[in-house]
Amino acid sequence: MILELRNVDKKTVLKSGVINYVEYLNLKYGGKKMYSTHALEISEHALKTPEGLTSVIRFTLCTIQQSLYSCENQIADIEKHGFKSRFLKNKQKAKGLKYAMDNQVKLFWDVQELKKQSLNDVDTIVKAVRLFNEIPNLGMVKASFVCQMLGFNVSCLDSHNLNRLGLEQKDVSLPKGLTEKTKLKKIKAYVHLTQKQGTVYWWDSWCNYVAEKGGANKLLPTGEEVSAFHVGCVVR
């Protein structure tokens, strides 16, 4: 029965009750391990030079409340106009990029040391997320996205993934005023949550989900194209 669903539409799958929507997407797209290909390429680029790491952070900042497909144009404009870019009129986004550029050497060596320790250990990942969470405008989720692209076993539970999990934004945010101990505790719980299914699952299923949904990303019709688009936004 499941094999017969490979070529049917979403509504038919949902009505069948045989598999859920995420399983349907993974089946439809052949279960390709896009993370293992594209995130590895991003990670290798990011960890060659401090500038490579900054390109990952810049891309992440461009994804905030914007469609994935818009990021390439944003980045091209920033490369051309610098901080005068119309996409950096958002002061927090500009502040985040300036912090990343000013501190790129320290960030680069700090994350290198953490990667040497472990890509899977929860406490190590918490330190990595907290490192990038110090960048203005990068909350816990987007800091985790940076870490995910660097090979750490953590994931970006953005609005798409939150909807899939039945969670709200408040469940994955770090409100101002939290003590450092509370921040670390909440980040640790978040890392545990994402590791239940793992970074490969979340990356690959998200790419398939975005491709299926279309909308602002309709020019990226397959999960592989969605995944590869990340590379083009970083490796330039």
C-alpha atoms as a PDB file:
ATOM      1  CA  MET A   1       0.000   0.000   0.000  1.00  0.00           C
ATOM      2  CA  ILE A   2       2.779   2.463   0.942  1.00  0.00           C
ATOM      3  CA  LEU A   3       4.612   1.907  -2.329  1.00  0.00           C
ATOM      4  CA  GLU A   4       1.400   2.723  -4.164  1.00  0.00           C
ATOM      5  CA  LEU A   5       1.342   6.128  -2.461  1.00  0.00           C
ATOM      6  CA  ARG A   6       4.649   7.242  -3.909  1.00  0.00           C
ATOM      7  CA  ASN A   7       3.055   9.060  -6.847  1.00  0.00           C
ATOM      8  CA  VAL A   8      -0.223  10.229  -5.352  1.00  0.00           C
ATOM      9  CA  ASP A   9      -1.035  13.681  -4.050  1.00  0.00           C
ATOM     10  CA  LYS A  10      -0.832  15.000  -0.504  1.00  0.00           C
ATOM     11  CA  LYS A  11      -4.597  14.931   0.189  1.00  0.00           C
ATOM     12  CA  THR A  12      -4.883  11.296  -0.802  1.00  0.00           C
ATOM     13  CA  VAL A  13      -2.014  10.408   1.520  1.00  0.00           C
ATOM     14  CA  LEU A  14      -3.493  12.273   4.459  1.00  0.00           C
ATOM     15  CA  LYS A  15      -6.890  10.651   3.957  1.00  0.00           C
ATOM     16  CA  SER A  16      -5.350   7.194   3.689  1.00  0.00           C
ATOM     17  CA  GLY A  17      -4.089   7.278   7.256  1.00  0.00           C
ATOM     18  CA  VAL A  18      -1.305   4.881   6.250  1.00  0.00           C
ATOM     19  CA  ILE A  19       1.573   7.308   6.692  1.00  0.00           C
ATOM     20  CA  ASN A  20       1.838  10.881   7.919  1.00  0.00           C
ATOM     21  CA  TYR A  21       2.780  13.887   5.803  1.00  0.00           C
ATOM     22  CA  VAL A  22       6.488  13.929   6.678  1.00  0.00           C
ATOM     23  CA  GLU A  23       6.811  10.221   5.933  1.00  0.00           C
ATOM     24  CA  TYR A  24       5.018  10.844   2.645  1.00  0.00           C
ATOM     25  CA  LEU A  25       7.512  13.550   1.688  1.00  0.00           C
ATOM     26  CA  ASN A  26      10.482  11.365   2.540  1.00  0.00           C
ATOM     27  CA  LEU A  27       8.981   8.533   0.512  1.00  0.00           C
ATOM     28  CA  LYS A  28       8.153  10.779  -2.435  1.00  0.00           C
ATOM     29  CA  TYR A  29      11.656  12.211  -2.626  1.00  0.00           C
ATOM     30  CA  GLY A  30      13.360   8.890  -2.134  1.00  0.00           C
ATOM     31  CA  GLY A  31      14.682   9.554   1.370  1.00  0.00           C
ATOM     32  CA  LYS A  32      17.739  11.323  -0.033  1.00  0.00           C
ATOM     33  CA  LYS A  33      20.245  12.407   2.619  1.00  0.00           C
ATOM     34  CA  MET A  34      20.602  16.016   1.543  1.00  0.00           C
ATOM     35  CA  TYR A  35      22.134  17.129   4.824  1.00  0.00           C
ATOM     36  CA  SER A  36      25.015  14.700   4.414  1.00  0.00           C
ATOM     37  CA  THR A  37      25.871  16.320   1.087  1.00  0.00           C
ATOM     38  CA  HIS A  38      25.057  20.007   1.345  1.00  0.00           C
ATOM     39  CA  ALA A  39      25.626  20.755   5.021  1.00  0.00           C
ATOM     40  CA  LEU A  40      29.001  19.023   4.766  1.00  0.00           C
ATOM     41  CA  GLU A  41      29.962  21.350   1.928  1.00  0.00           C
ATOM     42  CA  ILE A  42      28.863  24.356   3.978  1.00  0.00           C
ATOM     43  CA  SER A  43      30.734  23.129   7.050  1.00  0.00           C
ATOM     44  CA  GLU A  44      33.957  22.580   5.135  1.00  0.00           C
ATOM     45  CA  HIS A  45      33.737  26.091   3.691  1.00  0.00           C
ATOM     46  CA  ALA A  46      32.906  27.686   7.041  1.00  0.00           C
ATOM     47  CA  LEU A  47      35.750  26.061   8.905  1.00  0.00           C
ATOM     48  CA  LYS A  48      38.491  26.951   6.436  1.00  0.00           C
ATOM     49  CA  THR A  49      38.610  30.654   7.291  1.00  0.00           C
ATOM     50  CA  PRO A  50      36.955  33.147   9.653  1.00  0.00           C
ATOM     51  CA  GLU A  51      35.400  34.782   6.595  1.00  0.00           C
ATOM     52  CA  GLY A  52      33.829  31.451   5.650  1.00  0.00           C
ATOM     53  CA  LEU A  53      32.194  31.214   9.064  1.00  0.00           C
ATOM     54  CA  THR A  54      30.930  34.781   8.748  1.00  0.00           C
ATOM     55  CA  SER A  55      29.255  33.858   5.453  1.00  0.00           C
ATOM     56  CA  VAL A  56      27.218  31.219   7.316  1.00  0.00           C
ATOM     57  CA  ILE A  57      26.184  33.755   9.942  1.00  0.00           C
ATOM     58  CA  ARG A  58      25.295  36.328   7.268  1.00  0.00           C
ATOM     59  CA  PHE A  59      23.091  33.803   5.502  1.00  0.00           C
ATOM     60  CA  THR A  60      21.414  32.885   8.781  1.00  0.00           C
ATOM     61  CA  LEU A  61      20.649  36.534   9.516  1.00  0.00           C
ATOM     62  CA  CYS A  62      19.114  36.871   6.042  1.00  0.00           C
ATOM     63  CA  THR A  63      16.737  33.970   6.721  1.00  0.00           C
ATOM     64  CA  ILE A  64      15.083  35.714   9.669  1.00  0.00           C
ATOM     65  CA  GLN A  65      11.411  36.313   8.816  1.00  0.00           C
ATOM     66  CA  GLN A  66      12.253  35.979   5.114  1.00  0.00           C
ATOM     67  CA  SER A  67      11.766  33.237   2.549  1.00  0.00           C
ATOM     68  CA  LEU A  68      14.741  31.057   1.738  1.00  0.00           C
ATOM     69  CA  TYR A  69      14.575  32.016  -1.934  1.00  0.00           C
ATOM     70  CA  SER A  70      14.991  35.713  -1.094  1.00  0.00           C
ATOM     71  CA  CYS A  71      18.298  35.149   0.670  1.00  0.00           C
ATOM     72  CA  GLU A  72      20.492  34.984  -2.421  1.00  0.00           C
ATOM     73  CA  ASN A  73      19.354  38.437  -3.559  1.00  0.00           C
ATOM     74  CA  GLN A  74      19.794  39.798  -0.052  1.00  0.00           C
ATOM     75  CA  ILE A  75      23.339  38.477   0.154  1.00  0.00           C
ATOM     76  CA  ALA A  76      24.277  39.771  -3.301  1.00  0.00           C
ATOM     77  CA  ASP A  77      23.039  43.229  -2.339  1.00  0.00           C
ATOM     78  CA  ILE A  78      24.961  43.158   0.941  1.00  0.00           C
ATOM     79  CA  GLU A  79      28.106  42.053  -0.886  1.00  0.00           C
ATOM     80  CA  LYS A  80      27.720  44.984  -3.262  1.00  0.00           C
ATOM     81  CA  HIS A  81      26.635  47.748  -0.894  1.00  0.00           C
ATOM     82  CA  GLY A  82      27.897  46.593   2.486  1.00  0.00           C
ATOM     83  CA  PHE A  83      26.112  48.137   5.435  1.00  0.00           C
ATOM     84  CA  LYS A  84      24.368  50.563   3.096  1.00  0.00           C
ATOM     85  CA  SER A  85      22.380  47.656   1.660  1.00  0.00           C
ATOM     86  CA  ARG A  86      18.623  48.098   1.822  1.00  0.00           C
ATOM     87  CA  PHE A  87      18.472  44.689   3.460  1.00  0.00           C
ATOM     88  CA  LEU A  88      20.389  45.963   6.451  1.00  0.00           C
ATOM     89  CA  LYS A  89      17.994  48.776   7.267  1.00  0.00           C
ATOM     90  CA  ASN A  90      16.869  46.512  10.058  1.00  0.00           C
ATOM     91  CA  LYS A  91      19.216  47.737  12.785  1.00  0.00           C
ATOM     92  CA  GLN A  92      19.283  44.453  14.671  1.00  0.00           C
ATOM     93  CA  LYS A  93      20.227  42.505  11.553  1.00  0.00           C
ATOM     94  CA  ALA A  94      22.974  45.016  10.762  1.00  0.00           C
ATOM     95  CA  LYS A  95      24.156  44.881  14.363  1.00  0.00           C
ATOM     96  CA  GLY A  96      24.329  41.101  14.177  1.00  0.00           C
ATOM     97  CA  LEU A  97      26.409  41.122  11.009  1.00  0.00           C
ATOM     98  CA  LYS A  98      28.765  43.763  12.401  1.00  0.00           C
ATOM     99  CA  TYR A  99      29.263  41.714  15.572  1.00  0.00           C
ATOM    100  CA  ALA A 100      30.019  38.616  13.486  1.00  0.00           C
ATOM    101  CA  MET A 101      32.539  40.478  11.342  1.00  0.00           C
ATOM    102  CA  ASP A 102      34.215  42.195  14.289  1.00  0.00           C
ATOM    103  CA  ASN A 103      34.501  38.920  16.218  1.00  0.00           C
ATOM    104  CA  GLN A 104      34.958  36.466  13.370  1.00  0.00           C
ATOM    105  CA  VAL A 105      38.426  35.304  14.403  1.00  0.00           C
ATOM    106  CA  LYS A 106      37.380  34.527  17.980  1.00  0.00           C
ATOM    107  CA  LEU A 107      34.167  32.836  16.833  1.00  0.00           C
ATOM    108  CA  PHE A 108      36.140  30.810  14.304  1.00  0.00           C
ATOM    109  CA  TRP A 109      38.646  29.427  16.811  1.00  0.00           C
ATOM    110  CA  ASP A 110      36.084  28.916  19.567  1.00  0.00           C
ATOM    111  CA  VAL A 111      33.869  26.779  17.358  1.00  0.00           C
ATOM    112  CA  GLN A 112      36.881  24.879  16.021  1.00  0.00           C
ATOM    113  CA  GLU A 113      37.716  23.879  19.583  1.00  0.00           C
ATOM    114  CA  LEU A 114      34.139  22.808  20.274  1.00  0.00           C
ATOM    115  CA  LYS A 115      34.012  20.707  17.115  1.00  0.00           C
ATOM    116  CA  LYS A 116      37.168  18.910  18.217  1.00  0.00           C
ATOM    117  CA  GLN A 117      35.420  17.951  21.453  1.00  0.00           C
ATOM    118  CA  SER A 118      32.251  16.507  19.928  1.00  0.00           C
ATOM    119  CA  LEU A 119      29.521  16.989  17.348  1.00  0.00           C
ATOM    120  CA  ASN A 120      26.986  14.955  19.327  1.00  0.00           C
ATOM    121  CA  ASP A 121      27.596  15.620  23.015  1.00  0.00           C
ATOM    122  CA  VAL A 122      24.713  17.707  24.338  1.00  0.00           C
ATOM    123  CA  ASP A 123      26.782  19.865  26.699  1.00  0.00           C
ATOM    124  CA  THR A 124      29.259  20.704  23.925  1.00  0.00           C
ATOM    125  CA  ILE A 125      26.447  21.632  21.566  1.00  0.00           C
ATOM    126  CA  VAL A 126      24.885  23.831  24.246  1.00  0.00           C
ATOM    127  CA  LYS A 127      28.163  25.762  24.403  1.00  0.00           C
ATOM    128  CA  ALA A 128      28.191  26.123  20.610  1.00  0.00           C
ATOM    129  CA  VAL A 129      24.602  27.367  20.492  1.00  0.00           C
ATOM    130  CA  ARG A 130      25.310  29.811  23.296  1.00  0.00           C
ATOM    131  CA  LEU A 131      28.403  31.049  21.433  1.00  0.00           C
ATOM    132  CA  PHE A 132      26.361  32.067  18.405  1.00  0.00           C
ATOM    133  CA  ASN A 133      23.407  33.167  20.504  1.00  0.00           C
ATOM    134  CA  GLU A 134      25.642  36.022  21.673  1.00  0.00           C
ATOM    135  CA  ILE A 135      25.347  37.493  18.166  1.00  0.00           C
ATOM    136  CA  PRO A 136      22.650  40.193  18.122  1.00  0.00           C
ATOM    137  CA  ASN A 137      19.445  39.039  16.420  1.00  0.00           C
ATOM    138  CA  LEU A 138      20.340  35.336  16.644  1.00  0.00           C
ATOM    139  CA  GLY A 139      17.997  33.654  19.068  1.00  0.00           C
ATOM    140  CA  MET A 140      18.360  30.067  20.216  1.00  0.00           C
ATOM    141  CA  VAL A 141      16.751  28.653  17.071  1.00  0.00           C
ATOM    142  CA  LYS A 142      18.852  30.581  14.557  1.00  0.00           C
ATOM    143  CA  ALA A 143      22.019  30.053  16.608  1.00  0.00           C
ATOM    144  CA  SER A 144      21.201  26.347  16.374  1.00  0.00           C
ATOM    145  CA  PHE A 145      20.817  26.727  12.601  1.00  0.00           C
ATOM    146  CA  VAL A 146      24.392  28.030  12.417  1.00  0.00           C
ATOM    147  CA  CYS A 147      25.531  25.036  14.470  1.00  0.00           C
ATOM    148  CA  GLN A 148      23.528  22.649  12.288  1.00  0.00           C
ATOM    149  CA  MET A 149      25.320  23.943   9.192  1.00  0.00           C
ATOM    150  CA  LEU A 150      28.632  23.383  10.977  1.00  0.00           C
ATOM    151  CA  GLY A 151      27.882  19.709  11.565  1.00  0.00           C
ATOM    152  CA  PHE A 152      26.613  19.706  15.157  1.00  0.00           C
ATOM    153  CA  ASN A 153      23.728  17.374  15.957  1.00  0.00           C
ATOM    154  CA  VAL A 154      21.146  20.089  16.571  1.00  0.00           C
ATOM    155  CA  SER A 155      18.467  21.577  14.368  1.00  0.00           C
ATOM    156  CA  CYS A 156      16.625  24.757  13.438  1.00  0.00           C
ATOM    157  CA  LEU A 157      13.052  24.435  14.686  1.00  0.00           C
ATOM    158  CA  ASP A 158      11.703  27.409  12.748  1.00  0.00           C
ATOM    159  CA  SER A 159       8.039  28.267  12.220  1.00  0.00           C
ATOM    160  CA  HIS A 160       7.603  25.406   9.721  1.00  0.00           C
ATOM    161  CA  ASN A 161       8.989  22.839  12.144  1.00  0.00           C
ATOM    162  CA  LEU A 162       7.172  24.322  15.120  1.00  0.00           C
ATOM    163  CA  ASN A 163       3.886  23.883  13.267  1.00  0.00           C
ATOM    164  CA  ARG A 164       4.773  20.285  12.575  1.00  0.00           C
ATOM    165  CA  LEU A 165       5.532  19.701  16.259  1.00  0.00           C
ATOM    166  CA  GLY A 166       2.525  21.612  17.538  1.00  0.00           C
ATOM    167  CA  LEU A 167       4.769  24.033  19.430  1.00  0.00           C
ATOM    168  CA  GLU A 168       4.734  27.820  19.686  1.00  0.00           C
ATOM    169  CA  GLN A 169       7.488  30.399  19.295  1.00  0.00           C
ATOM    170  CA  LYS A 170       7.551  31.006  23.040  1.00  0.00           C
ATOM    171  CA  ASP A 171       8.553  27.379  23.541  1.00  0.00           C
ATOM    172  CA  VAL A 172      11.879  27.930  21.773  1.00  0.00           C
ATOM    173  CA  SER A 173      12.738  31.508  22.711  1.00  0.00           C
ATOM    174  CA  LEU A 174      15.053  32.977  25.330  1.00  0.00           C
ATOM    175  CA  PRO A 175      13.259  36.003  26.786  1.00  0.00           C
ATOM    176  CA  LYS A 176      15.296  38.924  28.042  1.00  0.00           C
ATOM    177  CA  GLY A 177      16.036  38.832  31.724  1.00  0.00           C
ATOM    178  CA  LEU A 178      16.743  35.113  31.981  1.00  0.00           C
ATOM    179  CA  THR A 179      19.709  34.167  34.121  1.00  0.00           C
ATOM    180  CA  GLU A 180      22.639  32.455  32.405  1.00  0.00           C
ATOM    181  CA  LYS A 181      21.779  29.231  34.240  1.00  0.00           C
ATOM    182  CA  THR A 182      18.217  29.321  32.937  1.00  0.00           C
ATOM    183  CA  LYS A 183      19.367  30.087  29.386  1.00  0.00           C
ATOM    184  CA  LEU A 184      21.698  27.092  29.397  1.00  0.00           C
ATOM    185  CA  LYS A 185      18.985  24.873  30.839  1.00  0.00           C
ATOM    186  CA  LYS A 186      16.529  25.905  28.128  1.00  0.00           C
ATOM    187  CA  ILE A 187      19.115  25.456  25.364  1.00  0.00           C
ATOM    188  CA  LYS A 188      19.920  21.999  26.709  1.00  0.00           C
ATOM    189  CA  ALA A 189      16.251  21.006  26.627  1.00  0.00           C
ATOM    190  CA  TYR A 190      16.046  22.302  23.049  1.00  0.00           C
ATOM    191  CA  VAL A 191      19.091  20.279  21.966  1.00  0.00           C
ATOM    192  CA  HIS A 192      17.615  17.152  23.533  1.00  0.00           C
ATOM    193  CA  LEU A 193      14.366  17.774  21.648  1.00  0.00           C
ATOM    194  CA  THR A 194      16.059  18.101  18.261  1.00  0.00           C
ATOM    195  CA  GLN A 195      18.266  15.058  18.879  1.00  0.00           C
ATOM    196  CA  LYS A 196      15.266  12.785  19.306  1.00  0.00           C
ATOM    197  CA  GLN A 197      15.129  12.589  15.514  1.00  0.00           C
ATOM    198  CA  GLY A 198      18.478  14.148  14.709  1.00  0.00           C
ATOM    199  CA  THR A 199      19.853  16.861  12.494  1.00  0.00           C
ATOM    200  CA  VAL A 200      19.754  14.822   9.282  1.00  0.00           C
ATOM    201  CA  TYR A 201      16.053  14.101   9.723  1.00  0.00           C
ATOM    202  CA  TRP A 202      15.163  17.720  10.438  1.00  0.00           C
ATOM    203  CA  TRP A 203      17.218  19.123   7.555  1.00  0.00           C
ATOM    204  CA  ASP A 204      16.030  16.647   4.943  1.00  0.00           C
ATOM    205  CA  SER A 205      12.372  16.644   5.953  1.00  0.00           C
ATOM    206  CA  TRP A 206      12.338  20.466   6.179  1.00  0.00           C
ATOM    207  CA  CYS A 207      13.734  20.764   2.650  1.00  0.00           C
ATOM    208  CA  ASN A 208      11.108  18.360   1.321  1.00  0.00           C
ATOM    209  CA  TYR A 209       8.371  20.175   3.240  1.00  0.00           C
ATOM    210  CA  VAL A 210       9.372  23.604   1.883  1.00  0.00           C
ATOM    211  CA  ALA A 211       9.556  22.269  -1.669  1.00  0.00           C
ATOM    212  CA  GLU A 212       6.108  20.718  -1.369  1.00  0.00           C
ATOM    213  CA  LYS A 213       4.618  23.847   0.158  1.00  0.00           C
ATOM    214  CA  GLY A 214       5.833  26.151  -2.642  1.00  0.00           C
ATOM    215  CA  GLY A 215       4.699  29.703  -2.035  1.00  0.00           C
ATOM    216  CA  ALA A 216       7.598  32.147  -1.818  1.00  0.00           C
ATOM    217  CA  ASN A 217       9.971  29.251  -2.483  1.00  0.00           C
ATOM    218  CA  LYS A 218       8.068  27.865  -5.476  1.00  0.00           C
ATOM    219  CA  LEU A 219      11.114  28.198  -7.734  1.00  0.00           C
ATOM    220  CA  LEU A 220      12.752  25.503  -5.612  1.00  0.00           C
ATOM    221  CA  PRO A 221      10.402  22.620  -6.472  1.00  0.00           C
ATOM    222  CA  THR A 222      12.356  19.709  -4.966  1.00  0.00           C
ATOM    223  CA  GLY A 223      13.901  19.040  -1.598  1.00  0.00           C
ATOM    224  CA  GLU A 224      17.327  18.667  -3.183  1.00  0.00           C
ATOM    225  CA  GLU A 225      17.056  22.094  -4.794  1.00  0.00           C
ATOM    226  CA  VAL A 226      15.998  23.617  -1.488  1.00  0.00           C
ATOM    227  CA  SER A 227      18.939  21.969   0.243  1.00  0.00           C
ATOM    228  CA  ALA A 228      21.474  22.922  -2.451  1.00  0.00           C
ATOM    229  CA  PHE A 229      20.229  26.516  -2.350  1.00  0.00           C
ATOM    230  CA  HIS A 230      21.702  26.791   1.152  1.00  0.00           C
ATOM    231  CA  VAL A 231      25.125  26.063  -0.292  1.00  0.00           C
ATOM    232  CA  GLY A 232      24.791  28.791  -2.912  1.00  0.00           C
ATOM    233  CA  CYS A 233      23.997  31.313  -0.203  1.00  0.00           C
ATOM    234  CA  VAL A 234      27.176  30.491   1.720  1.00  0.00           C
ATOM    235  CA  VAL A 235      29.830  29.263  -0.705  1.00  0.00           C
ATOM    236  CA  ARG A 236      30.307  32.261  -2.954  1.00  0.00           C
END
